[in-house]
Amino acid sequence: MKRDDDQLERLITNAVRGTPHRSAPATLERRILNALDRRSTEPWWRKEFARWPPLARMAFLVACAGLAYVALAAPLWLWESSRDALPTEVSLLQTLALTVRVIVKHLPSVLVYSALAALVALYGVLFGVGA
């Protein structure tokens, strides 16, 4: 096995040595330096999330959690505030919302905490892949 690897390495080295040397375009260095200069002067919110200041990252995560809470709680708030004002045609929706509420209320806490831990892990993976 080692012998085959050595032969393959020699074969590739010889093949690469036989290729002609190509020089980079004359404008390449200038373009790279301009891109690096432009990237270094970008504001922090235009950079990837891992390079944000820690306080800004924490504020962003808190804001995301707050928005998620509002998005999940808003339908219940609307339903509570307009329970008597709804027409009878939406009684099925009221029953469905009440059923979901009772099911959620009686879920075992281990299941809820496991689901929250899974969501936090998936959120972390999302940022990891995005970075």
Protein backbone atom coordinates (compact mmCIF):
# COMPACT_ATOMS: atom_id res chain seq x y z
CA MET A 1 0.00 0.00 0.00
CA LYS A 2 2.79 2.41 0.94
CA ARG A 3 4.61 1.47 -2.24
CA ASP A 4 1.59 2.32 -4.41
CA ASP A 5 1.27 5.69 -2.65
CA ASP A 6 4.92 6.48 -3.30
CA GLN A 7 4.59 5.55 -6.97
CA LEU A 8 1.48 7.68 -7.31
CA GLU A 9 3.22 10.60 -5.63
CA ARG A 10 6.21 10.33 -7.98
CA LEU A 11 3.91 10.07 -10.99
CA ILE A 12 1.96 13.20 -10.00
CA THR A 13 5.16 15.12 -9.18
CA ASN A 14 6.62 14.32 -12.60
CA ALA A 15 3.39 15.28 -14.34
CA VAL A 16 3.23 18.62 -12.51
CA ARG A 17 6.89 19.40 -13.22
CA GLY A 18 6.22 18.92 -16.90
CA THR A 19 3.52 21.58 -17.09
CA PRO A 20 4.54 25.04 -18.26
CA HIS A 21 4.83 27.81 -15.68
CA ARG A 22 1.96 30.29 -15.94
CA SER A 23 2.24 33.76 -14.53
CA ALA A 24 -0.59 35.62 -12.85
CA PRO A 25 -2.26 38.54 -14.63
CA ALA A 26 -0.59 41.88 -14.03
CA THR A 27 -3.70 43.34 -12.39
CA LEU A 28 -4.20 40.43 -9.96
CA GLU A 29 -2.10 41.87 -7.14
CA ARG A 30 -3.84 45.25 -7.36
CA ARG A 31 -7.29 43.63 -7.37
CA ILE A 32 -6.44 41.48 -4.36
CA LEU A 33 -5.06 44.44 -2.40
CA ASN A 34 -8.14 46.51 -3.27
CA ALA A 35 -10.44 43.69 -2.15
CA LEU A 36 -8.56 43.28 1.14
CA ASP A 37 -8.66 47.03 1.75
CA ARG A 38 -12.38 47.16 0.98
CA ARG A 39 -13.04 44.17 3.26
CA SER A 40 -11.07 45.68 6.14
CA THR A 41 -13.10 48.91 6.04
CA GLU A 42 -16.52 47.20 6.05
CA PRO A 43 -18.70 47.90 9.09
CA TRP A 44 -19.08 45.03 11.57
CA TRP A 45 -22.66 44.20 10.58
CA ARG A 46 -21.59 43.51 7.00
CA LYS A 47 -19.07 40.88 8.14
CA GLU A 48 -19.84 37.28 9.00
CA PHE A 49 -21.64 36.66 12.29
CA ALA A 50 -18.57 35.14 14.01
CA ARG A 51 -16.70 38.45 13.59
CA TRP A 52 -19.44 40.57 15.17
CA PRO A 53 -18.69 42.08 18.58
CA PRO A 54 -19.87 39.73 21.39
CA LEU A 55 -22.40 42.25 22.69
CA ALA A 56 -23.94 42.63 19.22
CA ARG A 57 -24.15 38.84 18.83
CA MET A 58 -25.89 38.51 22.20
CA ALA A 59 -28.29 41.33 21.36
CA PHE A 60 -29.07 39.68 18.03
CA LEU A 61 -29.78 36.33 19.70
CA VAL A 62 -31.98 37.99 22.33
CA ALA A 63 -33.86 39.87 19.60
CA CYS A 64 -34.35 36.63 17.65
CA ALA A 65 -35.64 34.87 20.75
CA GLY A 66 -38.01 37.78 21.45
CA LEU A 67 -39.32 37.76 17.90
CA ALA A 68 -39.81 33.98 18.03
CA TYR A 69 -41.75 34.36 21.30
CA VAL A 70 -43.95 37.09 19.84
CA ALA A 71 -44.54 35.09 16.67
CA LEU A 72 -45.59 32.04 18.67
CA ALA A 73 -47.63 33.90 21.29
CA ALA A 74 -49.38 36.46 19.06
CA PRO A 75 -52.06 34.06 17.78
CA LEU A 76 -52.95 33.13 21.36
CA TRP A 77 -53.09 36.80 22.39
CA LEU A 78 -55.35 37.57 19.44
CA TRP A 79 -57.53 34.59 20.21
CA GLU A 80 -57.86 35.55 23.89
CA SER A 81 -58.68 39.18 23.12
CA SER A 82 -61.26 38.44 20.45
CA ARG A 83 -62.81 35.24 21.77
CA ASP A 84 -66.27 36.75 22.11
CA ALA A 85 -66.00 38.87 18.97
CA LEU A 86 -65.40 35.91 16.63
CA PRO A 87 -68.29 34.72 14.49
CA THR A 88 -69.66 31.23 15.00
CA GLU A 89 -68.07 30.05 11.74
CA VAL A 90 -64.65 29.99 13.38
CA SER A 91 -65.70 27.85 16.33
CA LEU A 92 -63.69 25.03 14.75
CA LEU A 93 -60.58 27.19 14.93
CA GLN A 94 -61.36 28.00 18.56
CA THR A 95 -61.70 24.31 19.34
CA LEU A 96 -58.47 23.52 17.53
CA ALA A 97 -56.60 26.29 19.38
CA LEU A 98 -58.00 25.09 22.72
CA THR A 99 -57.00 21.50 21.91
CA VAL A 100 -53.46 22.56 21.06
CA ARG A 101 -53.29 24.63 24.22
CA VAL A 102 -54.42 21.71 26.41
CA ILE A 103 -51.95 19.35 24.74
CA VAL A 104 -49.09 21.79 25.18
CA LYS A 105 -50.08 22.42 28.80
CA HIS A 106 -49.96 18.71 29.62
CA LEU A 107 -46.74 17.83 27.80
CA PRO A 108 -44.08 16.31 30.06
CA SER A 109 -41.40 18.84 30.95
CA VAL A 110 -38.66 16.45 29.79
CA LEU A 111 -40.14 16.50 26.30
CA VAL A 112 -40.39 20.28 26.29
CA TYR A 113 -36.80 20.73 27.49
CA SER A 114 -35.57 18.14 24.98
CA ALA A 115 -37.34 19.96 22.17
CA LEU A 116 -35.87 23.28 23.30
CA ALA A 117 -32.39 21.76 23.49
CA ALA A 118 -32.84 20.34 19.98
CA LEU A 119 -33.95 23.75 18.68
CA VAL A 120 -30.96 25.46 20.30
CA ALA A 121 -28.64 22.83 18.78
CA LEU A 122 -30.19 23.28 15.33
CA TYR A 123 -29.91 27.05 15.69
CA GLY A 124 -26.24 26.63 16.53
CA VAL A 125 -25.74 24.38 13.51
CA LEU A 126 -27.44 27.01 11.35
CA PHE A 127 -24.93 29.64 12.48
CA GLY A 128 -22.06 27.18 12.19
CA VAL A 129 -22.94 26.35 8.60
CA GLY A 130 -23.54 30.02 7.82
CA ALA A 131 -20.17 31.04 9.18
